[in-house]
Protein backbone atom coordinates (compact mmCIF):
# COMPACT_ATOMS: atom_id res chain seq x y z
CA MET A 1 -11.36 16.68 -2.04
CA HIS A 2 -9.23 13.88 -1.29
CA ASP A 3 -10.12 10.63 0.67
CA VAL A 4 -6.36 10.87 1.62
CA LEU A 5 -3.89 13.15 1.77
CA ILE A 6 0.09 12.27 2.18
CA ILE A 7 2.53 15.43 2.54
CA GLY A 8 6.29 13.45 1.49
CA GLY A 9 6.91 11.64 -1.17
CA GLY A 10 9.82 9.39 0.28
CA LEU A 11 10.24 5.80 1.16
CA VAL A 12 6.96 5.62 3.60
CA GLY A 13 5.06 8.20 2.00
CA SER A 14 5.25 6.86 -1.51
CA SER A 15 4.75 3.28 0.17
CA LEU A 16 1.37 4.39 1.94
CA ALA A 17 0.16 5.49 -1.33
CA ILE A 18 0.37 2.48 -3.09
CA ALA A 19 -0.57 0.57 -0.48
CA LEU A 20 -4.22 2.87 -0.33
CA GLU A 21 -4.26 2.26 -4.04
CA GLY A 22 -5.90 -0.95 -3.79
CA ILE A 23 -8.84 0.36 -1.67
CA GLY A 24 -10.15 2.38 -4.59
CA ILE A 25 -9.92 5.52 -2.20
CA ASP A 26 -8.92 8.90 -3.78
CA VAL A 27 -5.66 9.73 -2.66
CA GLY A 28 -3.18 13.09 -3.15
CA LEU A 29 0.59 12.80 -3.04
CA VAL A 30 2.38 16.17 -2.24
CA GLU A 31 6.11 15.50 -3.46
CA ALA A 32 8.96 18.24 -3.97
CA VAL A 33 10.60 16.87 -6.55
CA ALA A 34 9.86 17.06 -10.25
CA PRO A 35 8.67 13.83 -12.48
CA GLN A 36 11.75 13.71 -14.36
CA ALA A 37 14.17 14.57 -11.06
CA SER A 38 12.27 11.76 -8.74
CA ARG A 39 13.58 9.23 -10.68
CA ASP A 40 17.37 9.82 -9.78
CA VAL A 41 16.69 11.62 -6.52
CA ALA A 42 13.73 11.34 -4.71
CA SER A 43 12.49 13.38 -1.34
CA SER A 44 10.65 12.62 1.96
CA ALA A 45 11.01 16.47 2.66
CA ALA A 46 8.23 18.10 0.67
CA THR A 47 7.81 20.97 3.83
CA SER A 48 11.09 22.56 2.18
CA GLY A 49 12.60 24.48 -0.57
CA GLU A 50 15.49 22.33 -0.86
CA PRO A 51 14.75 18.61 -1.03
CA THR A 52 16.49 16.21 1.74
CA SER A 53 17.73 13.13 -0.48
CA VAL A 54 16.11 9.70 0.44
CA PHE A 55 16.61 7.53 -2.23
CA ASP A 56 20.51 8.01 -2.28
CA GLY A 57 23.42 5.59 -1.84
CA ARG A 58 22.69 4.48 1.67
CA ASN A 59 21.69 0.80 2.29
CA LEU A 60 18.18 0.24 3.75
CA SER A 61 17.86 -3.31 5.53
CA PHE A 62 14.61 -4.82 4.90
CA ALA A 63 13.33 -7.38 7.09
CA GLU A 64 11.72 -10.32 6.09
CA ALA A 65 8.03 -8.77 6.83
CA THR A 66 8.91 -5.85 4.80
CA ILE A 67 9.58 -7.66 1.68
CA ASN A 68 6.55 -9.94 2.40
CA ALA A 69 4.91 -6.66 1.86
CA LEU A 70 6.51 -5.22 -0.79
CA THR A 71 6.50 -8.05 -2.76
CA ALA A 72 2.65 -7.93 -2.13
CA LEU A 73 2.52 -4.40 -3.17
CA GLY A 74 4.26 -5.04 -6.48
CA VAL A 75 7.41 -2.80 -5.45
CA MET A 76 10.18 -5.76 -5.14
CA GLN A 77 9.60 -7.02 -8.58
CA LYS A 78 10.37 -3.61 -10.16
CA LEU A 79 13.74 -3.67 -8.59
CA SER A 80 16.91 -3.49 -11.03
CA VAL A 81 19.07 -5.53 -8.33
CA PRO A 82 17.13 -8.17 -6.30
CA GLY A 83 19.58 -7.03 -2.97
CA GLY A 84 21.96 -8.97 -1.10
CA ALA A 85 20.76 -12.00 1.04
CA ILE A 86 21.44 -11.39 4.50
CA GLU A 87 21.58 -15.23 5.65
CA ARG A 88 23.67 -14.88 8.94
CA ILE A 89 23.98 -11.71 11.63
CA HIS A 90 27.45 -11.55 13.27
CA VAL A 91 27.79 -8.75 16.49
CA SER A 92 31.01 -8.36 18.34
CA ARG A 93 31.89 -5.34 20.74
CA GLN A 94 35.67 -3.64 20.41
CA GLY A 95 37.24 -4.52 24.07
CA ASP A 96 34.38 -7.28 24.90
CA PHE A 97 35.07 -10.69 25.07
CA GLY A 98 32.49 -13.33 23.17
CA ARG A 99 30.30 -12.66 20.35
CA SER A 100 26.86 -13.85 18.85
CA VAL A 101 26.16 -15.21 15.56
CA LEU A 102 22.26 -15.91 14.60
CA ALA A 103 22.13 -17.90 10.94
CA ALA A 104 18.74 -17.65 9.38
CA SER A 105 19.38 -22.05 8.48
CA GLU A 106 19.11 -22.34 12.40
CA HIS A 107 15.39 -20.79 12.05
CA GLY A 108 13.43 -22.29 9.13
CA ARG A 109 14.82 -19.25 6.73
CA SER A 110 17.24 -18.77 4.29
CA GLU A 111 17.80 -15.61 4.80
CA PHE A 112 16.40 -12.94 7.72
CA GLY A 113 16.03 -10.56 4.87
CA ARG A 114 17.69 -8.39 2.03
CA VAL A 115 20.10 -5.10 1.74
CA VAL A 116 18.82 -2.75 -0.66
CA VAL A 117 20.41 0.51 -2.03
CA ALA A 118 18.42 3.46 -1.29
CA HIS A 119 18.54 4.78 -4.80
CA ASP A 120 17.62 1.42 -6.48
CA PHE A 121 14.56 1.18 -3.98
CA GLY A 122 13.43 4.71 -5.20
CA GLN A 123 13.40 3.80 -8.97
CA ALA A 124 11.11 1.02 -7.76
CA LEU A 125 8.74 3.18 -6.23
CA GLU A 126 8.22 5.46 -8.90
CA ALA A 127 8.01 2.99 -11.69
CA ARG A 128 4.95 1.11 -9.30
CA LEU A 129 3.65 4.74 -8.60
CA ASP A 130 3.58 5.38 -12.21
CA GLU A 131 1.00 2.30 -12.96
CA LEU A 132 -1.41 3.83 -10.23
CA PRO A 133 -4.31 5.66 -12.14
CA ARG A 134 -6.45 7.01 -9.17
CA LEU A 135 -3.45 8.59 -7.49
CA THR A 136 -2.62 12.41 -7.95
CA ARG A 137 1.01 13.37 -7.79
CA TYR A 138 1.44 17.18 -6.76
CA ARG A 139 4.79 17.89 -7.45
CA PRO A 140 6.99 19.77 -7.45
CA VAL A 141 5.12 21.38 -4.93
CA ARG A 142 5.90 21.99 -1.41
CA PHE A 143 3.62 22.26 2.13
CA VAL A 144 3.13 25.37 3.07
CA GLY A 145 0.77 24.82 5.99
CA LEU A 146 -2.85 24.62 7.05
CA ALA A 147 -5.43 26.73 6.08
CA ASP A 148 -8.88 27.49 7.79
CA SER A 149 -11.97 25.16 6.99
CA ASP A 150 -15.33 25.46 7.27
CA ASP A 151 -16.35 22.14 7.13
CA ALA A 152 -15.51 19.72 9.59
CA GLY A 153 -15.06 17.01 7.97
CA CYS A 154 -11.83 17.76 6.50
CA ARG A 155 -8.46 19.07 6.98
CA ALA A 156 -7.60 22.57 4.69
CA VAL A 157 -3.98 21.90 3.46
CA ARG A 158 -1.97 25.22 2.02
CA ILE A 159 0.69 24.01 -0.78
CA ALA A 160 3.04 26.24 -3.28
CA ASP A 161 4.31 25.58 -6.47
CA GLY A 162 6.06 28.23 -9.45
CA ASN A 163 2.32 29.26 -10.18
CA GLY A 164 1.92 30.09 -6.27
CA GLU A 165 -0.31 28.79 -3.43
CA ARG A 166 -3.83 27.01 -3.59
CA VAL A 167 -5.59 24.90 -1.39
CA VAL A 168 -6.32 21.25 -1.32
CA ARG A 169 -8.55 19.68 1.44
CA ALA A 170 -8.56 15.83 2.49
CA ARG A 171 -10.56 13.66 5.00
CA LEU A 172 -7.16 12.72 6.31
CA LEU A 173 -4.30 14.44 6.40
CA VAL A 174 -0.87 12.20 6.81
CA GLY A 175 2.74 13.67 7.56
CA ALA A 176 4.96 11.14 5.94
CA ASP A 177 7.71 14.37 5.35
CA GLY A 178 10.86 13.10 8.12
CA THR A 179 12.26 14.13 10.65
CA ARG A 180 11.85 18.00 10.43
CA SER A 181 8.09 17.57 9.84
CA GLY A 182 6.68 20.46 8.73
CA VAL A 183 3.38 19.18 9.46
CA ARG A 184 4.05 18.06 12.59
CA ASP A 185 5.07 21.50 13.52
CA ALA A 186 1.77 23.02 11.40
CA LEU A 187 -0.28 20.14 14.02
CA GLY A 188 1.52 21.61 16.72
CA ILE A 189 2.94 18.48 18.03
CA GLY A 190 5.87 18.87 19.93
CA THR A 191 9.07 16.57 20.05
CA HIS A 192 11.54 15.24 22.49
CA SER A 193 15.15 14.13 21.09
CA HIS A 194 18.41 12.58 22.21
CA ASP A 195 21.68 13.42 20.63
CA TYR A 196 23.86 10.18 20.70
CA ARG A 197 26.71 12.27 19.90
CA GLN A 198 27.84 10.29 17.23
CA THR A 199 28.51 10.85 13.33
CA LEU A 200 27.16 7.92 10.82
CA PHE A 201 29.64 7.75 8.20
CA VAL A 202 27.87 5.71 5.24
CA THR A 203 29.04 4.58 1.62
CA ARG A 204 29.98 0.92 0.02
CA LEU A 205 33.05 -0.36 0.83
CA ARG A 206 35.02 -3.02 -1.22
CA THR A 207 36.82 -5.61 0.15
CA ASP A 208 38.94 -8.51 -1.61
CA ARG A 209 36.64 -11.13 -0.17
CA ALA A 210 33.06 -11.22 -1.82
CA PRO A 211 30.29 -10.67 0.69
CA ASP A 212 28.95 -14.40 1.86
CA GLY A 213 25.46 -13.33 3.39
CA THR A 214 27.04 -12.26 6.17
CA ALA A 215 25.66 -8.81 8.26
CA TYR A 216 28.44 -7.78 10.60
CA GLU A 217 27.48 -5.26 13.75
CA ARG A 218 30.79 -3.93 15.26
CA LEU A 219 30.12 -2.10 18.54
CA THR A 220 32.59 0.68 20.07
CA ASP A 221 32.42 3.14 22.83
CA HIS A 222 32.07 5.10 19.88
CA GLY A 223 29.02 4.29 17.86
CA PRO A 224 28.57 0.84 15.57
CA THR A 225 30.83 -0.36 12.00
CA ALA A 226 28.36 -2.37 10.09
CA LEU A 227 29.09 -4.20 7.25
CA LEU A 228 25.76 -5.14 5.19
CA PRO A 229 26.06 -7.57 2.22
CA ARG A 230 24.72 -5.88 -0.89
CA GLY A 231 24.09 -7.38 -4.22
CA ASP A 232 26.64 -6.02 -6.16
CA ARG A 233 29.46 -7.63 -4.19
CA HIS A 234 30.36 -4.63 -2.08
CA TYR A 235 29.11 -3.72 1.48
CA GLY A 236 27.05 -1.28 2.86
CA LEU A 237 29.22 0.26 5.67
CA VAL A 238 27.65 2.51 8.69
CA HIS A 239 30.82 3.77 10.69
CA GLY A 240 29.95 5.84 13.69
CA VAL A 241 32.39 8.02 15.31
CA ALA A 242 32.41 10.93 18.55
CA ARG A 243 30.88 13.62 17.35
CA ALA A 244 33.99 15.20 18.41
CA GLU A 245 36.16 13.49 15.54
CA ALA A 246 33.82 13.74 13.12
CA ASP A 247 35.40 16.88 10.98
CA ALA A 248 38.66 14.75 11.21
CA VAL A 249 37.31 11.49 10.06
CA ALA A 250 35.33 13.97 7.15
CA ALA A 251 38.95 14.83 6.03
CA LEU A 252 40.58 12.09 5.51
CA ASP A 253 41.53 10.73 1.79
CA GLU A 254 39.82 7.21 1.09
CA ALA A 255 43.12 5.37 2.19
CA GLY A 256 43.03 6.95 5.54
CA PHE A 257 39.40 6.25 5.93
CA LEU A 258 39.83 2.52 5.10
CA ALA A 259 42.28 2.07 7.50
CA ARG A 260 40.59 3.95 10.10
CA VAL A 261 37.67 1.84 9.65
CA GLN A 262 39.49 -1.44 9.53
CA ALA A 263 41.34 -1.05 12.82
CA ALA A 264 37.45 -0.63 14.17
CA PHE A 265 36.21 -3.38 12.60
CA GLY A 266 39.12 -6.11 12.59
CA TRP A 267 40.14 -8.64 9.50
CA ARG A 268 36.95 -10.93 9.60
CA ALA A 269 35.56 -9.74 6.65
CA GLY A 270 38.48 -9.38 4.72
CA ARG A 271 41.00 -6.51 3.80
CA PHE A 272 39.22 -3.15 2.59
CA LEU A 273 40.19 -2.24 -0.55
CA SER A 274 37.93 0.82 -1.73
CA CYS A 275 34.84 2.93 -1.34
CA GLY A 276 32.51 4.96 -2.45
CA PRO A 277 31.83 8.62 -1.63
CA ARG A 278 31.22 9.24 2.05
CA VAL A 279 27.89 10.70 3.42
CA ALA A 280 27.69 11.94 7.07
CA TYR A 281 24.72 12.35 9.42
CA PRO A 282 24.27 13.00 12.82
CA ALA A 283 22.73 10.40 15.04
CA ILE A 284 20.17 11.75 17.03
CA ARG A 285 16.30 9.96 18.58
CA VAL A 286 13.81 12.05 17.37
CA LEU A 287 10.56 11.20 18.77
CA ALA A 288 6.89 13.01 18.49
CA ASP A 289 4.63 13.70 21.44
CA ARG A 290 1.90 12.16 20.04
CA ALA A 291 0.85 10.26 16.38
CA THR A 292 -2.40 12.13 15.63
CA ALA A 293 -4.09 14.94 15.94
CA THR A 294 -7.84 15.89 14.80
CA ARG A 295 -7.71 14.51 11.25
CA ALA A 296 -4.32 13.73 11.01
CA VAL A 297 -1.57 11.37 11.40
CA LEU A 298 1.83 11.32 11.45
CA VAL A 299 4.16 7.94 10.29
CA GLY A 300 7.59 6.84 9.61
CA ASN A 301 10.52 9.33 10.66
CA ALA A 302 7.74 12.15 11.42
CA VAL A 303 6.56 10.14 14.54
CA GLN A 304 9.84 8.41 14.91
CA THR A 305 13.62 8.79 14.16
CA ILE A 306 15.41 6.34 15.78
CA HIS A 307 18.88 5.29 16.06
CA PRO A 308 19.87 3.09 12.62
CA LEU A 309 21.73 0.39 14.89
CA GLY A 310 19.71 -2.66 14.38
CA ALA A 311 18.35 -1.11 10.83
CA GLN A 312 14.92 -0.55 12.29
CA GLY A 313 13.87 3.01 10.97
CA PHE A 314 12.44 2.05 7.62
CA ASN A 315 11.04 -1.06 8.79
CA LEU A 316 8.92 0.41 11.69
CA GLY A 317 7.97 3.61 9.26
CA LEU A 318 6.11 0.94 6.89
CA ARG A 319 4.62 -0.95 9.64
CA ASP A 320 3.12 2.27 10.32
CA ALA A 321 2.07 3.01 7.13
CA LEU A 322 0.56 -0.29 6.57
CA THR A 323 -1.40 -0.33 9.60
CA LEU A 324 -3.37 2.74 8.50
CA ALA A 325 -4.35 1.53 5.05
CA GLU A 326 -4.87 -2.13 6.54
CA LEU A 327 -7.32 0.30 8.95
CA ILE A 328 -8.91 2.34 6.47
CA ASP A 329 -9.51 -0.52 4.16
CA GLU A 330 -11.35 -2.54 7.25
CA ALA A 331 -13.24 0.67 7.76
CA ARG A 332 -14.39 0.67 3.95
CA ARG A 333 -15.36 -3.06 3.68
CA GLN A 334 -17.77 -2.34 6.39
CA ASP A 335 -18.89 0.61 5.49
CA PRO A 336 -18.02 1.97 1.74
CA ALA A 337 -18.90 5.31 3.40
CA ALA A 338 -16.47 5.32 6.03
CA ASP A 339 -14.75 8.38 7.17
CA CYS A 340 -11.40 7.40 6.91
CA GLY A 341 -10.45 10.38 9.27
CA GLY A 342 -12.54 10.10 12.03
CA ALA A 343 -11.28 10.26 15.83
CA GLY A 344 -12.29 6.39 16.08
CA LEU A 345 -10.24 5.04 13.10
CA LEU A 346 -6.80 7.28 14.65
CA ALA A 347 -7.43 6.07 18.10
CA HIS A 348 -7.42 2.24 16.69
CA TYR A 349 -4.58 3.14 15.16
CA VAL A 350 -2.50 4.86 17.98
CA GLY A 351 -3.56 1.12 19.74
CA ARG A 352 -2.50 -1.29 17.12
CA ARG A 353 1.20 1.07 17.05
CA SER A 354 1.85 1.30 20.12
CA GLU A 355 3.57 -2.07 21.39
CA ASP A 356 5.44 -2.37 18.10
CA ARG A 357 6.93 1.18 18.34
CA ARG A 358 7.69 0.66 22.07
CA ARG A 359 9.20 -2.24 21.97
CA THR A 360 11.29 -1.39 18.85
CA LEU A 361 12.39 2.35 20.37
CA GLU A 362 12.89 0.34 23.51
CA PHE A 363 15.26 -2.15 21.20
CA SER A 364 17.15 0.32 19.43
CA ASP A 365 17.97 3.10 22.40
CA GLY A 366 19.16 0.38 24.65
CA LEU A 367 21.07 -1.12 22.26
CA ALA A 368 22.97 2.16 21.16
CA ARG A 369 23.12 3.40 25.07
CA LEU A 370 24.39 -0.13 26.64
CA THR A 371 26.91 -0.72 23.82
CA ALA A 372 28.44 3.11 23.50
CA ASN A 373 28.78 2.82 27.32
CA PRO A 374 32.62 2.74 28.04
CA SER A 375 31.89 1.91 31.40
CA SER A 376 34.28 -1.18 32.84
CA LEU A 377 31.95 -2.26 34.94
CA LEU A 378 29.37 -2.71 32.08
CA ARG A 379 32.12 -5.28 29.81
CA PRO A 380 31.32 -8.67 31.46
CA LEU A 381 27.97 -8.25 31.28
CA ARG A 382 27.65 -7.34 27.97
CA SER A 383 30.33 -10.20 26.89
CA PHE A 384 28.18 -12.37 28.65
CA GLY A 385 24.79 -11.73 27.18
CA LEU A 386 26.73 -11.84 23.84
CA LEU A 387 27.55 -15.40 24.84
CA ALA A 388 23.71 -15.91 26.35
CA ILE A 389 22.69 -14.90 22.58
CA ASP A 390 24.87 -17.62 21.49
CA GLN A 391 24.03 -20.65 23.40
CA LEU A 392 20.11 -20.16 24.59
CA PRO A 393 17.21 -20.64 21.84
CA SER A 394 14.83 -18.76 23.99
CA LEU A 395 16.66 -15.81 23.75
CA GLN A 396 17.60 -16.03 20.21
CA ALA A 397 13.81 -16.61 19.14
CA GLY A 398 12.90 -13.09 20.56
CA ILE A 399 15.87 -11.40 18.76
CA VAL A 400 15.37 -13.49 15.41
CA ALA A 401 11.59 -12.60 15.54
CA GLY A 402 12.59 -8.65 15.68
CA ALA A 403 15.51 -8.98 12.70
CA LEU A 404 12.42 -10.69 10.88
CA GLY A 405 9.80 -7.59 11.68
CA TYR A 406 7.61 -9.32 13.62
CA ARG A 407 7.02 -7.34 16.53
CA ALA A 408 3.89 -7.36 18.26
CA ASP A 409 0.87 -6.85 15.67
CA VAL A 410 1.68 -6.34 12.38
CA PRO A 411 -0.38 -5.79 9.23
CA ALA A 412 -1.84 -8.70 7.21
CA LEU A 413 0.82 -7.79 4.34
CA CYS A 414 3.81 -8.29 6.33
CA ARG A 415 2.88 -11.87 6.76
CA PRO A 416 3.98 -14.95 4.59
CA PRO A 417 0.80 -14.94 2.20
CA ALA A 418 -0.27 -17.96 3.75
CA LEU A 419 -1.05 -16.78 6.90
CA ARG A 420 -2.76 -13.56 5.49
CA ALA A 421 -6.45 -14.92 6.14
């Protein structure tokens, strides 16, 4: 019997396993990818036969709080490339006047965070997981469903590999298996979704000027065009288009795609010269009706999948995982026999996560809806809003705190080392 069984070895699930190692409890991690394959392509979709890669060429924007935590967990040190520093955030909207530029140096920081390629992060997580002596890794294994248990103090879980099915038991079941969470479905937890009717094209982009530490968000009626400064002299590109245009954009050759993005973005980052392979996915918000069930909890995209505008998704999911690990640690410090799947601990988890989740969801969804609304009546309001952010330190402070990852009650590992006591 495990104390904690995590379904999903992707970004958040792997990070949670690493955070729990230091507590000294028995942890199992169910992963869909075989050991060797996971060094190249890892997956959070431990519930399906065909893993969906999360350790691919996408670009992850790590807030300062996320970097603090991943450094404390020994993951950032495993990166082969340190990532690109975000020293400034430049926001503008096509068709509106005004723009806002936030500079980390004006807020006592050298950077807001870093841009890390998902594939590189996956290799760093894998290297760190290899060092955990107490972790039991089930791979390649898929989650099948829940099993009946005659022990009210545990969850019985059905998993399967090439040799057939078996049952694994745990005091606490964690669903970290992504947007299409099989754990969530098995627990009978419903969802509410909103389709933004946008398709996002993700790739790397090279310009005639090397990135200078500026992250750009160029907003349009059909979605954002974001350029994130990577550590390899490329930008990470996210280009949003109306869903009806997605097939036509996907069919463009490289020159045609670059011309389209240049027209949407402008010339502030220079001339666009080349791009890597493009991956497209729909922008759909999916929110679980609740985060917990009896002896079970959802974290990361399994409980909230949000619009990538503002780059909040992984940062929010990591704070889910770290808060859970922190509460288990606190309970075990008070009582070594404490039940990590008990109703009281899970209720405390829901309370701890509520404000951060609410504020981050409101920011992400509100920004996505407001900036994509083509109404001419909103243009002067948006423009004055951008100008106000540039001019009002009090307004900047809240935005900067969010960009750094310090919304509401954050886990101790997210704070700077001197403030963790």
